């Protein structure tokens, strides 16, 4: 099977290349193809002639999106539409990586795929509008919503916490935002499996369980730096340019419908820490 990955140089992209290693896979970084350049996107797609396109490239700096909404929508919404139109022209299937931030966080039970989108920040709006556009351009596309990605070889929350712990004996971490940490070496094989199953529609893919950022940080430090202290704080005490959903836990029911179950995030965290080996 021929696979084209937009965003191949990112943390998830690298794991996707490994997950599709037995296929004819082409990986493109943002330097290889700027999603904002419709001609470049179409040219690269026509050259690869893929059976499936995996679009994981995005502008993911949530606060950066709030400060520069034009860039956020140009890359995340319009860029996704460029890829979708290229897929339609070349007869390729499309799998798009989306986010828990398409939801407002007002629920207190896990979000199902049918729950209405209602993003509260620019990043979430750019991904929600991308979803709507893709479903119009390529109705048989697969949209994978995921959350709180972490892995080796890229910027992620555990990496930030461990770096801060080297110089700060006391860390203050938000305890009133709850979500699902997701390990990219677990996510990538699931994406490959969904492609092989010819999946379409929306699928929520995260590791099992949920936690707050404080609980995530506490588990990281307990395993690697127990001499550090982590203190829970409120979102109000830690203001950021972009609002975050207070609760963005994604239900695993849609993924279980494909017969796939992912390990708990705490199990994934232990494997991440072993993989880091520092």
C-alpha atoms as a PDB file:
ATOM      1  CA  UNK A   1       0.000   0.000   0.000  1.00  0.00           C
ATOM      2  CA  UNK A   2       1.262   3.489  -0.847  1.00  0.00           C
ATOM      3  CA  UNK A   3       1.100   5.922   2.088  1.00  0.00           C
ATOM      4  CA  UNK A   4       1.804   9.663   2.066  1.00  0.00           C
ATOM      5  CA  UNK A   5       2.389  11.343   5.445  1.00  0.00           C
ATOM      6  CA  UNK A   6       2.192  15.119   5.755  1.00  0.00           C
ATOM      7  CA  UNK A   7       3.997  16.090   8.958  1.00  0.00           C
ATOM      8  CA  UNK A   8       6.500  13.241   8.902  1.00  0.00           C
ATOM      9  CA  UNK A   9       9.223  15.109  10.804  1.00  0.00           C
ATOM     10  CA  UNK A  10       7.086  15.675  13.901  1.00  0.00           C
ATOM     11  CA  UNK A  11       6.870  13.486  16.990  1.00  0.00           C
ATOM     12  CA  UNK A  12       3.846  11.529  15.737  1.00  0.00           C
ATOM     13  CA  UNK A  13       5.052  11.617  12.141  1.00  0.00           C
ATOM     14  CA  UNK A  14       8.240   9.746  12.999  1.00  0.00           C
ATOM     15  CA  UNK A  15       6.242   7.023  14.736  1.00  0.00           C
ATOM     16  CA  UNK A  16       3.885   6.829  11.757  1.00  0.00           C
ATOM     17  CA  UNK A  17       6.779   6.186   9.399  1.00  0.00           C
ATOM     18  CA  UNK A  18       7.797   3.292  11.651  1.00  0.00           C
ATOM     19  CA  UNK A  19       4.215   1.978  11.811  1.00  0.00           C
ATOM     20  CA  UNK A  20       4.018   1.912   7.995  1.00  0.00           C
ATOM     21  CA  UNK A  21       7.579   0.631   7.492  1.00  0.00           C
ATOM     22  CA  UNK A  22       6.394  -2.411   5.547  1.00  0.00           C
ATOM     23  CA  UNK A  23       4.453  -0.234   3.106  1.00  0.00           C
ATOM     24  CA  UNK A  24       5.576   2.110   0.353  1.00  0.00           C
ATOM     25  CA  UNK A  25       5.586   5.220   2.545  1.00  0.00           C
ATOM     26  CA  UNK A  26       6.543   8.790   1.625  1.00  0.00           C
ATOM     27  CA  UNK A  27       7.087  11.235   4.472  1.00  0.00           C
ATOM     28  CA  UNK A  28       6.932  15.005   3.952  1.00  0.00           C
ATOM     29  CA  UNK A  29       7.972  17.696   6.416  1.00  0.00           C
ATOM     30  CA  UNK A  30       6.724  21.294   6.357  1.00  0.00           C
ATOM     31  CA  UNK A  31       9.898  22.158   4.444  1.00  0.00           C
ATOM     32  CA  UNK A  32       9.005  19.576   1.790  1.00  0.00           C
ATOM     33  CA  UNK A  33       5.411  20.786   1.394  1.00  0.00           C
ATOM     34  CA  UNK A  34       3.827  23.900   2.897  1.00  0.00           C
ATOM     35  CA  UNK A  35       0.145  23.121   3.488  1.00  0.00           C
ATOM     36  CA  UNK A  36      -0.685  26.743   2.668  1.00  0.00           C
ATOM     37  CA  UNK A  37       0.648  26.260  -0.883  1.00  0.00           C
ATOM     38  CA  UNK A  38      -2.104  24.460  -2.762  1.00  0.00           C
ATOM     39  CA  UNK A  39       0.143  23.863  -5.779  1.00  0.00           C
ATOM     40  CA  UNK A  40       2.859  22.236  -3.698  1.00  0.00           C
ATOM     41  CA  UNK A  41       0.360  20.007  -1.907  1.00  0.00           C
ATOM     42  CA  UNK A  42      -1.193  18.822  -5.164  1.00  0.00           C
ATOM     43  CA  UNK A  43       2.191  18.284  -6.848  1.00  0.00           C
ATOM     44  CA  UNK A  44       3.551  16.198  -3.963  1.00  0.00           C
ATOM     45  CA  UNK A  45       0.353  14.153  -3.848  1.00  0.00           C
ATOM     46  CA  UNK A  46       0.400  13.482  -7.575  1.00  0.00           C
ATOM     47  CA  UNK A  47       4.050  12.406  -7.379  1.00  0.00           C
ATOM     48  CA  UNK A  48       3.364   9.934  -4.550  1.00  0.00           C
ATOM     49  CA  UNK A  49       0.068   8.572  -5.965  1.00  0.00           C
ATOM     50  CA  UNK A  50      -0.892   7.309  -2.497  1.00  0.00           C
ATOM     51  CA  UNK A  51      -3.661   4.931  -1.580  1.00  0.00           C
ATOM     52  CA  UNK A  52      -3.917   6.801   1.729  1.00  0.00           C
ATOM     53  CA  UNK A  53      -2.832  10.246   2.893  1.00  0.00           C
ATOM     54  CA  UNK A  54      -2.184  10.773   6.612  1.00  0.00           C
ATOM     55  CA  UNK A  55      -2.404  14.447   7.556  1.00  0.00           C
ATOM     56  CA  UNK A  56      -0.786  15.052  10.943  1.00  0.00           C
ATOM     57  CA  UNK A  57       0.955  18.314  10.024  1.00  0.00           C
ATOM     58  CA  UNK A  58      -0.547  21.289  11.874  1.00  0.00           C
ATOM     59  CA  UNK A  59       0.199  24.490  13.730  1.00  0.00           C
ATOM     60  CA  UNK A  60      -0.228  23.064  17.231  1.00  0.00           C
ATOM     61  CA  UNK A  61       1.030  25.908  19.437  1.00  0.00           C
ATOM     62  CA  UNK A  62      -2.275  26.662  21.181  1.00  0.00           C
ATOM     63  CA  UNK A  63      -1.178  30.023  22.576  1.00  0.00           C
ATOM     64  CA  UNK A  64       0.598  30.840  19.320  1.00  0.00           C
ATOM     65  CA  UNK A  65      -2.659  30.234  17.445  1.00  0.00           C
ATOM     66  CA  UNK A  66      -4.425  32.697  19.740  1.00  0.00           C
ATOM     67  CA  UNK A  67      -1.818  35.356  18.952  1.00  0.00           C
ATOM     68  CA  UNK A  68      -1.718  34.612  15.206  1.00  0.00           C
ATOM     69  CA  UNK A  69      -5.150  33.336  14.126  1.00  0.00           C
ATOM     70  CA  UNK A  70      -4.439  34.023  10.467  1.00  0.00           C
ATOM     71  CA  UNK A  71      -1.608  31.487  10.504  1.00  0.00           C
ATOM     72  CA  UNK A  72      -3.693  29.008  12.506  1.00  0.00           C
ATOM     73  CA  UNK A  73      -6.551  29.019  10.002  1.00  0.00           C
ATOM     74  CA  UNK A  74      -4.239  29.116   6.984  1.00  0.00           C
ATOM     75  CA  UNK A  75      -2.401  25.974   8.106  1.00  0.00           C
ATOM     76  CA  UNK A  76      -4.954  23.987  10.102  1.00  0.00           C
ATOM     77  CA  UNK A  77      -8.172  24.732   8.190  1.00  0.00           C
ATOM     78  CA  UNK A  78      -7.208  25.868   4.699  1.00  0.00           C
ATOM     79  CA  UNK A  79      -4.144  23.616   4.525  1.00  0.00           C
ATOM     80  CA  UNK A  80      -6.280  20.618   5.436  1.00  0.00           C
ATOM     81  CA  UNK A  81      -8.745  21.551   2.691  1.00  0.00           C
ATOM     82  CA  UNK A  82      -5.867  21.720   0.183  1.00  0.00           C
ATOM     83  CA  UNK A  83      -4.852  18.180   1.140  1.00  0.00           C
ATOM     84  CA  UNK A  84      -8.456  16.985   0.942  1.00  0.00           C
ATOM     85  CA  UNK A  85      -8.874  18.394  -2.571  1.00  0.00           C
ATOM     86  CA  UNK A  86      -5.592  16.784  -3.611  1.00  0.00           C
ATOM     87  CA  UNK A  87      -6.881  13.482  -2.215  1.00  0.00           C
ATOM     88  CA  UNK A  88     -10.107  13.864  -4.172  1.00  0.00           C
ATOM     89  CA  UNK A  89      -8.208  14.604  -7.403  1.00  0.00           C
ATOM     90  CA  UNK A  90      -5.867  11.631  -7.023  1.00  0.00           C
ATOM     91  CA  UNK A  91      -8.459   9.180  -5.723  1.00  0.00           C
ATOM     92  CA  UNK A  92      -6.648   8.798  -2.399  1.00  0.00           C
ATOM     93  CA  UNK A  93      -8.259   8.095   0.964  1.00  0.00           C
ATOM     94  CA  UNK A  94      -7.541  10.593   3.752  1.00  0.00           C
ATOM     95  CA  UNK A  95      -6.976  10.263   7.497  1.00  0.00           C
ATOM     96  CA  UNK A  96      -6.859  13.570   9.401  1.00  0.00           C
ATOM     97  CA  UNK A  97      -5.523  14.109  12.913  1.00  0.00           C
ATOM     98  CA  UNK A  98      -7.817  16.316  14.946  1.00  0.00           C
ATOM     99  CA  UNK A  99      -8.055  17.344  18.584  1.00  0.00           C
ATOM    100  CA  UNK A 100     -10.013  17.180  21.817  1.00  0.00           C
ATOM    101  CA  UNK A 101      -9.963  20.985  21.683  1.00  0.00           C
ATOM    102  CA  UNK A 102     -12.887  20.966  19.230  1.00  0.00           C
ATOM    103  CA  UNK A 103     -14.993  20.608  22.421  1.00  0.00           C
ATOM    104  CA  UNK A 104     -15.778  23.281  25.015  1.00  0.00           C
ATOM    105  CA  UNK A 105     -15.026  21.236  28.145  1.00  0.00           C
ATOM    106  CA  UNK A 106     -18.444  21.783  29.709  1.00  0.00           C
ATOM    107  CA  UNK A 107     -19.248  18.050  29.960  1.00  0.00           C
ATOM    108  CA  UNK A 108     -18.172  15.915  32.906  1.00  0.00           C
ATOM    109  CA  UNK A 109     -18.420  12.594  31.118  1.00  0.00           C
ATOM    110  CA  UNK A 110     -16.211  11.517  28.193  1.00  0.00           C
ATOM    111  CA  UNK A 111     -16.968  13.135  24.860  1.00  0.00           C
ATOM    112  CA  UNK A 112     -18.525  10.873  22.238  1.00  0.00           C
ATOM    113  CA  UNK A 113     -17.965  11.310  18.508  1.00  0.00           C
ATOM    114  CA  UNK A 114     -21.544  12.595  18.120  1.00  0.00           C
ATOM    115  CA  UNK A 115     -21.165  15.417  20.652  1.00  0.00           C
ATOM    116  CA  UNK A 116     -21.367  18.861  19.052  1.00  0.00           C
ATOM    117  CA  UNK A 117     -18.177  20.771  18.365  1.00  0.00           C
ATOM    118  CA  UNK A 118     -17.958  24.001  20.328  1.00  0.00           C
ATOM    119  CA  UNK A 119     -14.307  25.115  20.536  1.00  0.00           C
ATOM    120  CA  UNK A 120     -13.303  27.895  22.933  1.00  0.00           C
ATOM    121  CA  UNK A 121      -9.953  28.886  21.417  1.00  0.00           C
ATOM    122  CA  UNK A 122      -8.521  29.636  17.978  1.00  0.00           C
ATOM    123  CA  UNK A 123      -6.655  26.333  17.704  1.00  0.00           C
ATOM    124  CA  UNK A 124      -9.836  24.387  18.452  1.00  0.00           C
ATOM    125  CA  UNK A 125     -11.836  26.458  15.971  1.00  0.00           C
ATOM    126  CA  UNK A 126      -9.248  25.881  13.242  1.00  0.00           C
ATOM    127  CA  UNK A 127      -9.445  22.110  13.754  1.00  0.00           C
ATOM    128  CA  UNK A 128     -13.256  22.081  14.031  1.00  0.00           C
ATOM    129  CA  UNK A 129     -13.629  24.039  10.794  1.00  0.00           C
ATOM    130  CA  UNK A 130     -11.122  21.714   9.139  1.00  0.00           C
ATOM    131  CA  UNK A 131     -13.249  18.730  10.163  1.00  0.00           C
ATOM    132  CA  UNK A 132     -16.376  20.272   8.627  1.00  0.00           C
ATOM    133  CA  UNK A 133     -14.591  21.104   5.381  1.00  0.00           C
ATOM    134  CA  UNK A 134     -13.013  17.672   5.026  1.00  0.00           C
ATOM    135  CA  UNK A 135     -16.314  15.875   5.510  1.00  0.00           C
ATOM    136  CA  UNK A 136     -17.742  17.954   2.640  1.00  0.00           C
ATOM    137  CA  UNK A 137     -14.764  17.556   0.279  1.00  0.00           C
ATOM    138  CA  UNK A 138     -14.004  13.865   0.978  1.00  0.00           C
ATOM    139  CA  UNK A 139     -17.024  12.391   2.797  1.00  0.00           C
ATOM    140  CA  UNK A 140     -15.304   9.018   3.223  1.00  0.00           C
ATOM    141  CA  UNK A 141     -12.341  10.495   5.134  1.00  0.00           C
ATOM    142  CA  UNK A 142     -11.353   9.274   8.594  1.00  0.00           C
ATOM    143  CA  UNK A 143     -10.983  11.890  11.329  1.00  0.00           C
ATOM    144  CA  UNK A 144      -8.954  10.742  14.337  1.00  0.00           C
ATOM    145  CA  UNK A 145      -9.384  12.960  17.382  1.00  0.00           C
ATOM    146  CA  UNK A 146      -6.692  12.562  19.989  1.00  0.00           C
ATOM    147  CA  UNK A 147      -5.264  14.519  22.915  1.00  0.00           C
ATOM    148  CA  UNK A 148      -2.273  15.415  25.093  1.00  0.00           C
ATOM    149  CA  UNK A 149       0.314  13.752  22.856  1.00  0.00           C
ATOM    150  CA  UNK A 150       3.681  12.781  24.296  1.00  0.00           C
ATOM    151  CA  UNK A 151       6.625  10.810  22.995  1.00  0.00           C
ATOM    152  CA  UNK A 152      10.372  10.780  22.586  1.00  0.00           C
ATOM    153  CA  UNK A 153      11.915  13.043  19.968  1.00  0.00           C
ATOM    154  CA  UNK A 154       9.622  16.027  20.251  1.00  0.00           C
ATOM    155  CA  UNK A 155       8.299  18.679  22.598  1.00  0.00           C
ATOM    156  CA  UNK A 156       5.806  17.200  25.058  1.00  0.00           C
ATOM    157  CA  UNK A 157       4.545  17.698  28.606  1.00  0.00           C
ATOM    158  CA  UNK A 158       6.654  14.972  30.283  1.00  0.00           C
ATOM    159  CA  UNK A 159       9.779  16.300  28.615  1.00  0.00           C
ATOM    160  CA  UNK A 160       9.006  19.819  29.850  1.00  0.00           C
ATOM    161  CA  UNK A 161       8.335  18.618  33.406  1.00  0.00           C
ATOM    162  CA  UNK A 162      11.577  16.637  33.580  1.00  0.00           C
ATOM    163  CA  UNK A 163      13.598  19.562  32.256  1.00  0.00           C
ATOM    164  CA  UNK A 164      12.035  21.965  34.761  1.00  0.00           C
ATOM    165  CA  UNK A 165      12.652  19.511  37.600  1.00  0.00           C
ATOM    166  CA  UNK A 166      16.412  19.753  37.023  1.00  0.00           C
ATOM    167  CA  UNK A 167      16.447  23.391  38.104  1.00  0.00           C
ATOM    168  CA  UNK A 168      13.227  23.919  40.064  1.00  0.00           C
ATOM    169  CA  UNK A 169      12.681  21.847  43.225  1.00  0.00           C
ATOM    170  CA  UNK A 170       9.047  22.983  43.354  1.00  0.00           C
ATOM    171  CA  UNK A 171       6.700  22.948  40.348  1.00  0.00           C
ATOM    172  CA  UNK A 172       3.213  24.468  40.150  1.00  0.00           C
ATOM    173  CA  UNK A 173       0.885  22.643  37.741  1.00  0.00           C
ATOM    174  CA  UNK A 174      -2.767  23.188  36.801  1.00  0.00           C
ATOM    175  CA  UNK A 175      -5.147  20.733  38.470  1.00  0.00           C
ATOM    176  CA  UNK A 176      -8.523  21.808  37.033  1.00  0.00           C
ATOM    177  CA  UNK A 177      -8.036  20.709  33.421  1.00  0.00           C
ATOM    178  CA  UNK A 178      -8.668  17.027  32.752  1.00  0.00           C
ATOM    179  CA  UNK A 179      -7.845  15.016  29.629  1.00  0.00           C
ATOM    180  CA  UNK A 180      -6.288  11.850  28.208  1.00  0.00           C
ATOM    181  CA  UNK A 181      -2.494  11.609  27.777  1.00  0.00           C
ATOM    182  CA  UNK A 182      -1.683   9.729  24.562  1.00  0.00           C
ATOM    183  CA  UNK A 183       1.661   8.089  23.755  1.00  0.00           C
ATOM    184  CA  UNK A 184       2.560   8.506  20.089  1.00  0.00           C
ATOM    185  CA  UNK A 185       4.125   4.990  19.765  1.00  0.00           C
ATOM    186  CA  UNK A 186       0.689   3.676  20.812  1.00  0.00           C
ATOM    187  CA  UNK A 187      -1.266   6.071  18.589  1.00  0.00           C
ATOM    188  CA  UNK A 188       0.693   5.468  15.375  1.00  0.00           C
ATOM    189  CA  UNK A 189      -0.004   1.697  15.092  1.00  0.00           C
ATOM    190  CA  UNK A 190      -3.697   2.373  15.727  1.00  0.00           C
ATOM    191  CA  UNK A 191      -3.725   4.833  12.831  1.00  0.00           C
ATOM    192  CA  UNK A 192      -2.077   2.179  10.655  1.00  0.00           C
ATOM    193  CA  UNK A 193      -4.700  -0.339  11.772  1.00  0.00           C
ATOM    194  CA  UNK A 194      -7.558   2.050  10.949  1.00  0.00           C
ATOM    195  CA  UNK A 195      -6.081   2.580   7.490  1.00  0.00           C
ATOM    196  CA  UNK A 196      -5.885  -1.182   6.914  1.00  0.00           C
ATOM    197  CA  UNK A 197      -9.488  -1.510   8.106  1.00  0.00           C
ATOM    198  CA  UNK A 198     -10.525   1.163   5.578  1.00  0.00           C
ATOM    199  CA  UNK A 199     -12.035   3.233   8.371  1.00  0.00           C
ATOM    200  CA  UNK A 200     -14.110   6.340   7.793  1.00  0.00           C
ATOM    201  CA  UNK A 201     -15.948   8.826   9.972  1.00  0.00           C
ATOM    202  CA  UNK A 202     -14.761  10.125  13.336  1.00  0.00           C
ATOM    203  CA  UNK A 203     -12.784   7.955  15.765  1.00  0.00           C
ATOM    204  CA  UNK A 204     -11.506   8.970  19.202  1.00  0.00           C
ATOM    205  CA  UNK A 205      -8.060   7.522  19.927  1.00  0.00           C
ATOM    206  CA  UNK A 206      -6.320   8.016  23.285  1.00  0.00           C
ATOM    207  CA  UNK A 207      -4.644   5.875  25.886  1.00  0.00           C
ATOM    208  CA  UNK A 208      -6.925   4.588  28.638  1.00  0.00           C
ATOM    209  CA  UNK A 209      -7.829   6.568  31.711  1.00  0.00           C
ATOM    210  CA  UNK A 210      -7.750  10.302  32.318  1.00  0.00           C
ATOM    211  CA  UNK A 211      -6.060  12.766  34.641  1.00  0.00           C
ATOM    212  CA  UNK A 212      -5.361  16.425  35.300  1.00  0.00           C
ATOM    213  CA  UNK A 213      -2.101  18.072  34.276  1.00  0.00           C
ATOM    214  CA  UNK A 214      -1.156  18.055  37.971  1.00  0.00           C
ATOM    215  CA  UNK A 215      -1.791  14.310  38.252  1.00  0.00           C
ATOM    216  CA  UNK A 216       0.210  13.727  35.066  1.00  0.00           C
ATOM    217  CA  UNK A 217       3.117  15.772  36.431  1.00  0.00           C
ATOM    218  CA  UNK A 218       2.950  14.012  39.808  1.00  0.00           C
ATOM    219  CA  UNK A 219       3.206  10.601  38.125  1.00  0.00           C
ATOM    220  CA  UNK A 220       6.195  11.751  36.051  1.00  0.00           C
ATOM    221  CA  UNK A 221       8.075  13.116  39.065  1.00  0.00           C
ATOM    222  CA  UNK A 222       7.218  10.128  41.256  1.00  0.00           C
ATOM    223  CA  UNK A 223       8.901   7.880  38.701  1.00  0.00           C
ATOM    224  CA  UNK A 224      11.920  10.017  37.878  1.00  0.00           C
ATOM    225  CA  UNK A 225      12.416  12.834  40.347  1.00  0.00           C
ATOM    226  CA  UNK A 226      10.655  12.075  43.662  1.00  0.00           C
ATOM    227  CA  UNK A 227      12.712  14.702  45.494  1.00  0.00           C
ATOM    228  CA  UNK A 228      10.781  17.408  43.626  1.00  0.00           C
ATOM    229  CA  UNK A 229       7.501  18.802  44.918  1.00  0.00           C
ATOM    230  CA  UNK A 230       4.540  19.468  42.644  1.00  0.00           C
ATOM    231  CA  UNK A 231       1.823  21.848  43.815  1.00  0.00           C
ATOM    232  CA  UNK A 232      -1.692  21.930  42.306  1.00  0.00           C
ATOM    233  CA  UNK A 233      -2.903  25.329  41.101  1.00  0.00           C
ATOM    234  CA  UNK A 234      -6.019  26.576  39.320  1.00  0.00           C
ATOM    235  CA  UNK A 235      -6.211  27.739  35.728  1.00  0.00           C
ATOM    236  CA  UNK A 236      -7.012  31.213  37.062  1.00  0.00           C
ATOM    237  CA  UNK A 237      -3.667  31.231  38.893  1.00  0.00           C
ATOM    238  CA  UNK A 238      -1.828  30.283  35.699  1.00  0.00           C
ATOM    239  CA  UNK A 239      -3.278  32.544  32.962  1.00  0.00           C
ATOM    240  CA  UNK A 240      -2.484  31.772  29.336  1.00  0.00           C
ATOM    241  CA  UNK A 241      -3.413  33.595  26.101  1.00  0.00           C
ATOM    242  CA  UNK A 242      -5.753  30.763  25.002  1.00  0.00           C
ATOM    243  CA  UNK A 243      -8.551  29.301  27.092  1.00  0.00           C
ATOM    244  CA  UNK A 244      -8.358  25.543  27.606  1.00  0.00           C
ATOM    245  CA  UNK A 245     -11.294  23.156  28.045  1.00  0.00           C
ATOM    246  CA  UNK A 246     -11.671  22.208  31.699  1.00  0.00           C
ATOM    247  CA  UNK A 247     -12.654  18.654  30.694  1.00  0.00           C
ATOM    248  CA  UNK A 248     -11.729  17.171  27.302  1.00  0.00           C
ATOM    249  CA  UNK A 249     -11.674  13.437  27.997  1.00  0.00           C
ATOM    250  CA  UNK A 250     -12.499  11.475  24.832  1.00  0.00           C
ATOM    251  CA  UNK A 251     -14.612   8.331  24.999  1.00  0.00           C
ATOM    252  CA  UNK A 252     -12.974   5.169  23.660  1.00  0.00           C
ATOM    253  CA  UNK A 253     -16.261   3.674  22.465  1.00  0.00           C
ATOM    254  CA  UNK A 254     -15.702   4.498  18.783  1.00  0.00           C
ATOM    255  CA  UNK A 255     -12.241   2.883  18.834  1.00  0.00           C
ATOM    256  CA  UNK A 256     -13.541  -0.190  20.647  1.00  0.00           C
ATOM    257  CA  UNK A 257     -15.991  -0.578  17.778  1.00  0.00           C
ATOM    258  CA  UNK A 258     -12.957  -1.508  15.665  1.00  0.00           C
ATOM    259  CA  UNK A 259     -11.866  -4.058  18.273  1.00  0.00           C
ATOM    260  CA  UNK A 260      -8.957  -1.885  19.428  1.00  0.00           C
ATOM    261  CA  UNK A 261      -8.102  -1.106  23.056  1.00  0.00           C
ATOM    262  CA  UNK A 262      -5.114   1.008  24.109  1.00  0.00           C
ATOM    263  CA  UNK A 263      -3.185   0.608  27.387  1.00  0.00           C
ATOM    264  CA  UNK A 264      -3.714   2.982  30.306  1.00  0.00           C
ATOM    265  CA  UNK A 265      -1.782   6.262  30.143  1.00  0.00           C
ATOM    266  CA  UNK A 266       0.202   5.287  33.260  1.00  0.00           C
ATOM    267  CA  UNK A 267       1.460   2.168  31.477  1.00  0.00           C
ATOM    268  CA  UNK A 268       2.358   4.325  28.472  1.00  0.00           C
ATOM    269  CA  UNK A 269       4.191   6.794  30.714  1.00  0.00           C
ATOM    270  CA  UNK A 270       6.405   4.038  32.141  1.00  0.00           C
ATOM    271  CA  UNK A 271       7.326   2.906  28.632  1.00  0.00           C
ATOM    272  CA  UNK A 272       8.058   6.497  27.642  1.00  0.00           C
ATOM    273  CA  UNK A 273      10.374   6.924  30.603  1.00  0.00           C
ATOM    274  CA  UNK A 274      12.210   3.689  29.753  1.00  0.00           C
ATOM    275  CA  UNK A 275      12.514   4.835  26.132  1.00  0.00           C
ATOM    276  CA  UNK A 276      14.030   8.154  27.224  1.00  0.00           C
ATOM    277  CA  UNK A 277      16.695   6.334  29.223  1.00  0.00           C
ATOM    278  CA  UNK A 278      18.214   9.510  30.677  1.00  0.00           C
END
